[in-house]
């Protein structure tokens, strides 16, 4: 049961990391540099990727 929760968390964080990577790439290619965004996509990507890796390790270990 708990192993499934870790796997679901890993999947959700992987999806969030992918979304953040795409959003950060779009932000870097914007035409009007004066229109800055408020979402820290790079930080969201890094944190969600770290959580996804840890959750995957916990799911595989069986915690």
PDB file of N, CA and C in Angstrom:
ATOM      1  N   UNK A   1       0.823  -1.196   0.000  1.00  0.00           N
ATOM      2  CA  UNK A   1       0.000   0.000   0.000  1.00  0.00           C
ATOM      3  C   UNK A   1       0.862   1.253   0.000  1.00  0.00           C
ATOM      4  N   UNK A   2       1.793   1.328   0.937  1.00  0.00           N
ATOM      5  CA  UNK A   2       2.642   2.512   1.023  1.00  0.00           C
ATOM      6  C   UNK A   2       3.572   2.612  -0.181  1.00  0.00           C
ATOM      7  N   UNK A   3       3.972   1.452  -0.696  1.00  0.00           N
ATOM      8  CA  UNK A   3       4.822   1.444  -1.875  1.00  0.00           C
ATOM      9  C   UNK A   3       4.098   2.098  -3.054  1.00  0.00           C
ATOM     10  N   UNK A   4       2.804   1.867  -3.142  1.00  0.00           N
ATOM     11  CA  UNK A   4       2.006   2.466  -4.203  1.00  0.00           C
ATOM     12  C   UNK A   4       1.933   3.985  -4.048  1.00  0.00           C
ATOM     13  N   UNK A   5       1.876   4.455  -2.814  1.00  0.00           N
ATOM     14  CA  UNK A   5       1.836   5.899  -2.571  1.00  0.00           C
ATOM     15  C   UNK A   5       3.134   6.545  -3.038  1.00  0.00           C
ATOM     16  N   UNK A   6       4.266   5.909  -2.746  1.00  0.00           N
ATOM     17  CA  UNK A   6       5.552   6.442  -3.193  1.00  0.00           C
ATOM     18  C   UNK A   6       5.637   6.461  -4.716  1.00  0.00           C
ATOM     19  N   UNK A   7       5.137   5.407  -5.348  1.00  0.00           N
ATOM     20  CA  UNK A   7       5.159   5.346  -6.811  1.00  0.00           C
ATOM     21  C   UNK A   7       4.263   6.423  -7.419  1.00  0.00           C
ATOM     22  N   UNK A   8       3.109   6.651  -6.822  1.00  0.00           N
ATOM     23  CA  UNK A   8       2.214   7.699  -7.317  1.00  0.00           C
ATOM     24  C   UNK A   8       2.837   9.078  -7.138  1.00  0.00           C
ATOM     25  N   UNK A   9       3.495   9.287  -6.009  1.00  0.00           N
ATOM     26  CA  UNK A   9       4.177  10.560  -5.781  1.00  0.00           C
ATOM     27  C   UNK A   9       5.295  10.760  -6.797  1.00  0.00           C
ATOM     28  N   UNK A  10       6.051   9.707  -7.068  1.00  0.00           N
ATOM     29  CA  UNK A  10       7.134   9.797  -8.050  1.00  0.00           C
ATOM     30  C   UNK A  10       6.586  10.132  -9.433  1.00  0.00           C
ATOM     31  N   UNK A  11       5.484   9.525  -9.802  1.00  0.00           N
ATOM     32  CA  UNK A  11       4.878   9.796 -11.103  1.00  0.00           C
ATOM     33  C   UNK A  11       4.366  11.231 -11.188  1.00  0.00           C
ATOM     34  N   UNK A  12       3.727  11.699 -10.135  1.00  0.00           N
ATOM     35  CA  UNK A  12       3.204  13.070 -10.125  1.00  0.00           C
ATOM     36  C   UNK A  12       4.337  14.096 -10.179  1.00  0.00           C
ATOM     37  N   UNK A  13       5.393  13.856  -9.431  1.00  0.00           N
ATOM     38  CA  UNK A  13       6.513  14.795  -9.429  1.00  0.00           C
ATOM     39  C   UNK A  13       7.273  14.764 -10.753  1.00  0.00           C
ATOM     40  N   UNK A  14       7.323  13.607 -11.391  1.00  0.00           N
ATOM     41  CA  UNK A  14       7.946  13.529 -12.714  1.00  0.00           C
ATOM     42  C   UNK A  14       7.148  14.338 -13.730  1.00  0.00           C
ATOM     43  N   UNK A  15       5.831  14.251 -13.643  1.00  0.00           N
ATOM     44  CA  UNK A  15       4.983  15.040 -14.538  1.00  0.00           C
ATOM     45  C   UNK A  15       5.154  16.533 -14.273  1.00  0.00           C
ATOM     46  N   UNK A  16       5.250  16.903 -13.008  1.00  0.00           N
ATOM     47  CA  UNK A  16       5.463  18.309 -12.664  1.00  0.00           C
ATOM     48  C   UNK A  16       6.826  18.787 -13.151  1.00  0.00           C
ATOM     49  N   UNK A  17       7.845  17.945 -13.035  1.00  0.00           N
ATOM     50  CA  UNK A  17       9.179  18.312 -13.515  1.00  0.00           C
ATOM     51  C   UNK A  17       9.170  18.515 -15.026  1.00  0.00           C
ATOM     52  N   UNK A  18       8.466  17.653 -15.736  1.00  0.00           N
ATOM     53  CA  UNK A  18       8.363  17.820 -17.186  1.00  0.00           C
ATOM     54  C   UNK A  18       7.645  19.099 -17.567  1.00  0.00           C
ATOM     55  N   UNK A  19       6.569  19.387 -16.869  1.00  0.00           N
ATOM     56  CA  UNK A  19       5.823  20.621 -17.120  1.00  0.00           C
ATOM     57  C   UNK A  19       6.677  21.847 -16.823  1.00  0.00           C
ATOM     58  N   UNK A  20       7.423  21.804 -15.738  1.00  0.00           N
ATOM     59  CA  UNK A  20       8.280  22.938 -15.373  1.00  0.00           C
ATOM     60  C   UNK A  20       9.411  23.120 -16.378  1.00  0.00           C
ATOM     61  N   UNK A  21       9.952  22.022 -16.897  1.00  0.00           N
ATOM     62  CA  UNK A  21      11.019  22.123 -17.894  1.00  0.00           C
ATOM     63  C   UNK A  21      10.500  22.768 -19.178  1.00  0.00           C
ATOM     64  N   UNK A  22       9.309  22.368 -19.595  1.00  0.00           N
ATOM     65  CA  UNK A  22       8.711  22.964 -20.801  1.00  0.00           C
ATOM     66  C   UNK A  22       8.401  24.439 -20.574  1.00  0.00           C
ATOM     67  N   UNK A  23       7.859  24.764 -19.417  1.00  0.00           N
ATOM     68  CA  UNK A  23       7.526  26.162 -19.115  1.00  0.00           C
ATOM     69  C   UNK A  23       8.781  27.027 -19.031  1.00  0.00           C
ATOM     70  N   UNK A  24       9.858  26.484 -18.473  1.00  0.00           N
ATOM     71  CA  UNK A  24      11.104  27.243 -18.386  1.00  0.00           C
ATOM     72  C   UNK A  24      11.696  27.465 -19.775  1.00  0.00           C
ATOM     73  N   UNK A  25      11.607  26.464 -20.634  1.00  0.00           N
ATOM     74  CA  UNK A  25      12.105  26.623 -22.004  1.00  0.00           C
ATOM     75  C   UNK A  25      11.298  27.680 -22.752  1.00  0.00           C
ATOM     76  N   UNK A  26       9.981  27.682 -22.544  1.00  0.00           N
ATOM     77  CA  UNK A  26       9.147  28.708 -23.175  1.00  0.00           C
ATOM     78  C   UNK A  26       9.491  30.095 -22.644  1.00  0.00           C
ATOM     79  N   UNK A  27       9.779  30.180 -21.347  1.00  0.00           N
ATOM     80  CA  UNK A  27      10.123  31.476 -20.745  1.00  0.00           C
ATOM     81  C   UNK A  27      11.435  32.001 -21.313  1.00  0.00           C
ATOM     82  N   UNK A  28      12.376  31.114 -21.563  1.00  0.00           N
ATOM     83  CA  UNK A  28      13.672  31.539 -22.100  1.00  0.00           C
ATOM     84  C   UNK A  28      13.568  32.019 -23.552  1.00  0.00           C
ATOM     85  N   UNK A  29      12.570  31.525 -24.291  1.00  0.00           N
ATOM     86  CA  UNK A  29      12.428  31.894 -25.699  1.00  0.00           C
ATOM     87  C   UNK A  29      11.422  33.008 -25.938  1.00  0.00           C
ATOM     88  N   UNK A  30      10.964  33.678 -24.920  1.00  0.00           N
ATOM     89  CA  UNK A  30       9.936  34.706 -25.115  1.00  0.00           C
ATOM     90  C   UNK A  30      10.501  35.876 -25.924  1.00  0.00           C
ATOM     91  N   UNK A  31       9.629  36.536 -26.650  1.00  0.00           N
ATOM     92  CA  UNK A  31      10.052  37.632 -27.520  1.00  0.00           C
ATOM     93  C   UNK A  31      10.211  38.940 -26.751  1.00  0.00           C
ATOM     94  N   UNK A  32       9.291  39.214 -25.843  1.00  0.00           N
ATOM     95  CA  UNK A  32       9.314  40.470 -25.107  1.00  0.00           C
ATOM     96  C   UNK A  32       9.942  40.216 -23.733  1.00  0.00           C
ATOM     97  N   UNK A  33      11.187  40.604 -23.575  1.00  0.00           N
ATOM     98  CA  UNK A  33      11.909  40.336 -22.334  1.00  0.00           C
ATOM     99  C   UNK A  33      11.442  41.211 -21.175  1.00  0.00           C
ATOM    100  N   UNK A  34      10.664  42.232 -21.473  1.00  0.00           N
ATOM    101  CA  UNK A  34      10.138  43.083 -20.409  1.00  0.00           C
ATOM    102  C   UNK A  34       8.972  42.428 -19.673  1.00  0.00           C
ATOM    103  N   UNK A  35       8.366  41.420 -20.269  1.00  0.00           N
ATOM    104  CA  UNK A  35       7.251  40.707 -19.626  1.00  0.00           C
ATOM    105  C   UNK A  35       7.817  39.531 -18.837  1.00  0.00           C
ATOM    106  N   UNK A  36       8.160  39.798 -17.611  1.00  0.00           N
ATOM    107  CA  UNK A  36       8.736  38.743 -16.778  1.00  0.00           C
ATOM    108  C   UNK A  36       7.620  37.956 -16.099  1.00  0.00           C
ATOM    109  N   UNK A  37       7.880  36.697 -15.846  1.00  0.00           N
ATOM    110  CA  UNK A  37       6.903  35.857 -15.164  1.00  0.00           C
ATOM    111  C   UNK A  37       7.153  35.853 -13.667  1.00  0.00           C
ATOM    112  N   UNK A  38       6.227  35.252 -12.941  1.00  0.00           N
ATOM    113  CA  UNK A  38       6.368  35.216 -11.488  1.00  0.00           C
ATOM    114  C   UNK A  38       6.619  33.811 -10.965  1.00  0.00           C
ATOM    115  N   UNK A  39       6.586  32.805 -11.840  1.00  0.00           N
ATOM    116  CA  UNK A  39       6.798  31.428 -11.392  1.00  0.00           C
ATOM    117  C   UNK A  39       8.279  31.071 -11.496  1.00  0.00           C
ATOM    118  N   UNK A  40       8.870  30.565 -10.426  1.00  0.00           N
ATOM    119  CA  UNK A  40      10.284  30.157 -10.483  1.00  0.00           C
ATOM    120  C   UNK A  40      10.404  28.748 -11.085  1.00  0.00           C
ATOM    121  N   UNK A  41      10.273  28.636 -12.410  1.00  0.00           N
ATOM    122  CA  UNK A  41      10.204  27.325 -13.055  1.00  0.00           C
ATOM    123  C   UNK A  41      11.454  26.492 -12.831  1.00  0.00           C
ATOM    124  N   UNK A  42      12.612  27.120 -12.792  1.00  0.00           N
ATOM    125  CA  UNK A  42      13.851  26.358 -12.574  1.00  0.00           C
ATOM    126  C   UNK A  42      13.851  25.700 -11.196  1.00  0.00           C
ATOM    127  N   UNK A  43      13.445  26.430 -10.183  1.00  0.00           N
ATOM    128  CA  UNK A  43      13.397  25.882  -8.825  1.00  0.00           C
ATOM    129  C   UNK A  43      12.329  24.794  -8.708  1.00  0.00           C
ATOM    130  N   UNK A  44      11.189  25.010  -9.341  1.00  0.00           N
ATOM    131  CA  UNK A  44      10.134  23.990  -9.331  1.00  0.00           C
ATOM    132  C   UNK A  44      10.630  22.720 -10.000  1.00  0.00           C
ATOM    133  N   UNK A  45      11.358  22.859 -11.106  1.00  0.00           N
ATOM    134  CA  UNK A  45      11.901  21.696 -11.805  1.00  0.00           C
ATOM    135  C   UNK A  45      12.878  20.927 -10.925  1.00  0.00           C
ATOM    136  N   UNK A  46      13.800  21.637 -10.304  1.00  0.00           N
ATOM    137  CA  UNK A  46      14.823  20.979  -9.487  1.00  0.00           C
ATOM    138  C   UNK A  46      14.200  20.281  -8.282  1.00  0.00           C
ATOM    139  N   UNK A  47      13.323  20.964  -7.572  1.00  0.00           N
ATOM    140  CA  UNK A  47      12.704  20.363  -6.383  1.00  0.00           C
ATOM    141  C   UNK A  47      11.830  19.163  -6.731  1.00  0.00           C
ATOM    142  N   UNK A  48      11.045  19.283  -7.792  1.00  0.00           N
ATOM    143  CA  UNK A  48      10.186  18.156  -8.156  1.00  0.00           C
ATOM    144  C   UNK A  48      11.000  16.976  -8.661  1.00  0.00           C
ATOM    145  N   UNK A  49      12.114  17.234  -9.312  1.00  0.00           N
ATOM    146  CA  UNK A  49      12.974  16.141  -9.770  1.00  0.00           C
ATOM    147  C   UNK A  49      13.633  15.433  -8.592  1.00  0.00           C
ATOM    148  N   UNK A  50      14.086  16.185  -7.604  1.00  0.00           N
ATOM    149  CA  UNK A  50      14.688  15.576  -6.410  1.00  0.00           C
ATOM    150  C   UNK A  50      13.652  14.740  -5.657  1.00  0.00           C
ATOM    151  N   UNK A  51      12.452  15.271  -5.509  1.00  0.00           N
ATOM    152  CA  UNK A  51      11.394  14.524  -4.823  1.00  0.00           C
ATOM    153  C   UNK A  51      11.031  13.270  -5.609  1.00  0.00           C
ATOM    154  N   UNK A  52      10.997  13.368  -6.939  1.00  0.00           N
ATOM    155  CA  UNK A  52      10.673  12.203  -7.769  1.00  0.00           C
ATOM    156  C   UNK A  52      11.731  11.116  -7.626  1.00  0.00           C
ATOM    157  N   UNK A  53      12.991  11.497  -7.588  1.00  0.00           N
ATOM    158  CA  UNK A  53      14.070  10.509  -7.436  1.00  0.00           C
ATOM    159  C   UNK A  53      13.997   9.848  -6.064  1.00  0.00           C
ATOM    160  N   UNK A  54      13.786  10.633  -5.029  1.00  0.00           N
ATOM    161  CA  UNK A  54      13.681  10.065  -3.676  1.00  0.00           C
ATOM    162  C   UNK A  54      12.458   9.160  -3.545  1.00  0.00           C
ATOM    163  N   UNK A  55      11.336   9.578  -4.089  1.00  0.00           N
ATOM    164  CA  UNK A  55      10.122   8.760  -4.014  1.00  0.00           C
ATOM    165  C   UNK A  55      10.284   7.465  -4.801  1.00  0.00           C
ATOM    166  N   UNK A  56      10.983   7.522  -5.925  1.00  0.00           N
ATOM    167  CA  UNK A  56      11.256   6.303  -6.690  1.00  0.00           C
ATOM    168  C   UNK A  56      12.133   5.356  -5.894  1.00  0.00           C
ATOM    169  N   UNK A  57      13.140   5.899  -5.237  1.00  0.00           N
ATOM    170  CA  UNK A  57      14.018   5.058  -4.416  1.00  0.00           C
ATOM    171  C   UNK A  57      13.242   4.417  -3.269  1.00  0.00           C
ATOM    172  N   UNK A  58      12.375   5.179  -2.625  1.00  0.00           N
ATOM    173  CA  UNK A  58      11.567   4.623  -1.534  1.00  0.00           C
ATOM    174  C   UNK A  58      10.594   3.564  -2.043  1.00  0.00           C
ATOM    175  N   UNK A  59      10.024   3.788  -3.226  1.00  0.00           N
ATOM    176  CA  UNK A  59       9.086   2.810  -3.790  1.00  0.00           C
ATOM    177  C   UNK A  59       9.803   1.511  -4.136  1.00  0.00           C
ATOM    178  N   UNK A  60      10.999   1.626  -4.690  1.00  0.00           N
ATOM    179  CA  UNK A  60      11.753   0.424  -5.045  1.00  0.00           C
ATOM    180  C   UNK A  60      12.278  -0.301  -3.812  1.00  0.00           C
ATOM    181  N   UNK A  61      12.633   0.462  -2.790  1.00  0.00           N
ATOM    182  CA  UNK A  61      13.140  -0.133  -1.551  1.00  0.00           C
ATOM    183  C   UNK A  61      12.021  -0.807  -0.762  1.00  0.00           C
ATOM    184  N   UNK A  62      10.823  -0.280  -0.870  1.00  0.00           N
ATOM    185  CA  UNK A  62       9.686  -0.891  -0.197  1.00  0.00           C
ATOM    186  C   UNK A  62       9.296  -0.240   1.110  1.00  0.00           C
ATOM    187  N   UNK A  63       9.663   1.013   1.309  1.00  0.00           N
ATOM    188  CA  UNK A  63       9.291   1.716   2.540  1.00  0.00           C
ATOM    189  C   UNK A  63       7.837   2.057   2.535  1.00  0.00           C
TER     190      UNK A  63
END
